[in-house]
Amino acid sequence: MAKVGNAPTGQDANTTQRASERTADAAGRAADPTAEAARTATNAGAEVARQGADKLREQMDTLLGTSSRVSQEAAQRTSANLELMKRLAETMLSGAREASSETVEWTRQAAERQAEATRQITQARSMEEMLDIQDRYIRENLQTLLDLSARVSRLSADKASEASGHLGQDRR
């Protein structure tokens, strides 16, 4: 039989197979560091992402905690301010009631004085006596009006001081 010039022989096939295996091994060894580098990069990326997510969660927790505390503080302050306004209004209302009571009493007494002056004037025996009664009546009414004004002013000052005390207590 004649040998074909370039046909592979059994020995050539073994050489080719060994060469292929060596190439595959070399490629595998070359791929191993690349695959390891890819795994390392992937793991590092995952770790950075996890740390970023943890940091974001911590910041959100802090923000929510701060918002909650600020909201609670605002609600407490609003409640305290409303309570203070209530106490101030009660104090001022009390002062207005007392001033009103003083004015009503003055009005009642003025009506009594008016009735007494009218009775005395009708019983006067002379024009001079009538003018004296009228003069005394006017002076007494003016004096009681000034006294009323002084009492209401003192009452107003006392109530303002009391209200100011409420403000001072609230600051503590």
Protein backbone atom coordinates (compact mmCIF):
# COMPACT_ATOMS: atom_id res chain seq x y z
CA MET A 1 0.00 0.00 0.00
CA ALA A 2 1.12 3.34 -0.78
CA LYS A 3 1.35 5.98 1.87
CA VAL A 4 -0.53 9.21 1.30
CA GLY A 5 1.85 12.05 1.81
CA ASN A 6 0.10 14.25 4.29
CA ALA A 7 -2.39 11.94 5.96
CA PRO A 8 -2.12 11.96 9.72
CA THR A 9 -0.76 9.02 11.42
CA GLY A 10 -1.59 7.69 14.86
CA GLN A 11 1.43 9.40 16.25
CA ASP A 12 0.45 12.73 14.71
CA ALA A 13 -3.07 12.44 16.23
CA ASN A 14 -1.59 11.85 19.68
CA THR A 15 0.67 14.83 19.30
CA THR A 16 -2.24 16.97 18.19
CA GLN A 17 -4.35 15.78 21.10
CA ARG A 18 -1.58 16.47 23.61
CA ALA A 19 -1.03 19.90 22.08
CA SER A 20 -4.77 20.59 22.36
CA GLU A 21 -4.80 19.47 25.98
CA ARG A 22 -1.79 21.66 26.77
CA THR A 23 -3.49 24.60 25.08
CA ALA A 24 -6.70 23.91 27.01
CA ASP A 25 -4.73 23.65 30.27
CA ALA A 26 -2.89 26.89 29.51
CA ALA A 27 -6.19 28.55 28.64
CA GLY A 28 -7.73 27.17 31.85
CA ARG A 29 -4.81 28.42 33.90
CA ALA A 30 -5.06 31.80 32.18
CA ALA A 31 -8.84 31.84 32.76
CA ASP A 32 -8.54 30.93 36.45
CA PRO A 33 -6.91 34.26 37.48
CA THR A 34 -9.39 36.13 35.27
CA ALA A 35 -12.33 34.28 36.82
CA GLU A 36 -10.87 34.83 40.27
CA ALA A 37 -10.42 38.51 39.51
CA ALA A 38 -14.04 38.67 38.27
CA ARG A 39 -15.26 36.92 41.47
CA THR A 40 -13.19 39.27 43.61
CA ALA A 41 -14.51 42.31 41.72
CA THR A 42 -18.08 41.00 41.99
CA ASN A 43 -17.69 40.33 45.71
CA ALA A 44 -16.11 43.76 46.24
CA GLY A 45 -18.94 45.39 44.30
CA ALA A 46 -21.53 43.50 46.33
CA GLU A 47 -19.80 44.52 49.57
CA VAL A 48 -19.71 48.19 48.50
CA ALA A 49 -23.41 48.00 47.57
CA ARG A 50 -24.24 46.36 50.94
CA GLN A 51 -22.25 49.00 52.83
CA GLY A 52 -23.95 51.75 50.82
CA ALA A 53 -27.37 50.25 51.58
CA ASP A 54 -26.47 49.96 55.29
CA LYS A 55 -25.27 53.58 55.35
CA LEU A 56 -28.44 54.75 53.58
CA ARG A 57 -30.60 52.76 56.04
CA GLU A 58 -28.72 54.31 59.00
CA GLN A 59 -29.16 57.80 57.54
CA MET A 60 -32.88 57.20 56.94
CA ASP A 61 -33.29 55.83 60.49
CA THR A 62 -31.48 58.89 61.84
CA LEU A 63 -33.61 61.22 59.71
CA LEU A 64 -36.83 59.50 60.76
CA GLY A 65 -35.76 59.55 64.40
CA THR A 66 -34.90 63.24 64.16
CA SER A 67 -38.19 64.00 62.39
CA SER A 68 -40.08 62.09 65.05
CA ARG A 69 -38.32 63.92 67.88
CA VAL A 70 -38.84 67.29 66.19
CA SER A 71 -42.53 66.55 65.61
CA GLN A 72 -42.96 65.42 69.21
CA GLU A 73 -41.14 68.52 70.49
CA ALA A 74 -43.33 70.76 68.29
CA ALA A 75 -46.49 69.07 69.59
CA GLN A 76 -45.34 69.47 73.20
CA ARG A 77 -44.48 73.12 72.71
CA THR A 78 -47.78 73.79 70.96
CA SER A 79 -49.64 72.11 73.80
CA ALA A 80 -47.69 74.12 76.40
CA ASN A 81 -48.34 77.36 74.50
CA LEU A 82 -52.06 76.61 74.26
CA GLU A 83 -52.17 75.87 77.99
CA LEU A 84 -50.36 79.16 78.66
CA MET A 85 -52.79 81.05 76.44
CA LYS A 86 -55.68 79.45 78.34
CA ARG A 87 -54.24 80.52 81.72
CA LEU A 88 -53.63 84.05 80.44
CA ALA A 89 -57.17 84.28 79.04
CA GLU A 90 -58.61 82.99 82.33
CA THR A 91 -56.57 85.57 84.25
CA MET A 92 -57.64 88.42 82.00
CA LEU A 93 -61.27 87.25 82.04
CA SER A 94 -61.15 87.14 85.82
CA GLY A 95 -59.87 90.74 85.81
CA ALA A 96 -62.61 91.81 83.41
CA ARG A 97 -65.26 90.19 85.66
CA GLU A 98 -63.87 91.94 88.73
CA ALA A 99 -63.73 95.29 86.90
CA SER A 100 -67.27 94.77 85.67
CA SER A 101 -68.41 93.93 89.20
CA GLU A 102 -66.73 97.11 90.51
CA THR A 103 -68.45 99.17 87.79
CA VAL A 104 -71.84 97.63 88.53
CA GLU A 105 -71.40 98.38 92.25
CA TRP A 106 -70.38 101.97 91.46
CA THR A 107 -73.45 102.35 89.22
CA ARG A 108 -75.71 101.00 91.98
CA GLN A 109 -74.21 103.39 94.53
CA ALA A 110 -74.45 106.29 92.06
CA ALA A 111 -78.18 105.56 91.59
CA GLU A 112 -78.63 105.58 95.38
CA ARG A 113 -76.75 108.87 95.64
CA GLN A 114 -78.87 110.29 92.81
CA ALA A 115 -82.09 109.28 94.55
CA GLU A 116 -80.88 110.74 97.87
CA ALA A 117 -79.76 113.98 96.18
CA THR A 118 -83.10 114.28 94.41
CA ARG A 119 -84.96 113.73 97.71
CA GLN A 120 -82.79 116.34 99.47
CA ILE A 121 -83.21 118.86 96.65
CA THR A 122 -87.00 118.50 96.76
CA GLN A 123 -86.88 119.17 100.51
CA ALA A 124 -84.51 122.14 100.20
CA ARG A 125 -85.83 125.35 101.77
CA SER A 126 -83.79 127.73 99.73
CA MET A 127 -81.97 128.08 96.47
CA GLU A 128 -78.66 128.22 98.37
CA GLU A 129 -79.41 124.92 100.11
CA MET A 130 -80.41 123.33 96.77
CA LEU A 131 -77.14 124.47 95.13
CA ASP A 132 -75.13 123.14 98.10
CA ILE A 133 -76.83 119.73 97.78
CA GLN A 134 -76.21 119.68 94.04
CA ASP A 135 -72.56 120.74 94.51
CA ARG A 136 -72.01 118.02 97.16
CA TYR A 137 -73.70 115.40 94.94
CA ILE A 138 -71.49 116.24 91.95
CA ARG A 139 -68.30 116.24 94.06
CA GLU A 140 -69.19 112.90 95.70
CA ASN A 141 -69.92 111.33 92.29
CA LEU A 142 -66.65 112.61 90.85
CA GLN A 143 -64.73 111.31 93.88
CA THR A 144 -66.36 107.87 93.69
CA LEU A 145 -65.69 107.79 89.94
CA LEU A 146 -62.00 108.56 90.58
CA ASP A 147 -61.93 105.89 93.31
CA LEU A 148 -63.49 103.39 90.88
CA SER A 149 -60.93 104.30 88.24
CA ALA A 150 -58.09 103.77 90.75
CA ARG A 151 -59.52 100.36 91.81
CA VAL A 152 -59.92 99.24 88.19
CA SER A 153 -56.39 100.45 87.38
CA ARG A 154 -54.95 98.54 90.37
CA LEU A 155 -56.96 95.49 89.39
CA SER A 156 -55.70 95.76 85.81
CA ALA A 157 -52.09 96.11 87.01
CA ASP A 158 -52.52 93.13 89.38
CA LYS A 159 -53.96 90.97 86.60
CA ALA A 160 -51.20 92.02 84.20
CA SER A 161 -48.63 91.10 86.85
CA GLU A 162 -50.37 87.77 87.45
CA ALA A 163 -50.40 87.08 83.69
CA SER A 164 -46.74 88.01 83.49
CA GLY A 165 -46.08 85.53 86.29
CA HIS A 166 -47.71 82.83 84.16
CA LEU A 167 -45.28 83.68 81.38
CA GLY A 168 -42.35 83.53 83.79
CA GLN A 169 -43.48 80.14 85.15
CA ASP A 170 -43.76 78.79 81.63
CA ARG A 171 -40.11 79.58 80.86
CA ARG A 172 -38.85 77.34 83.67
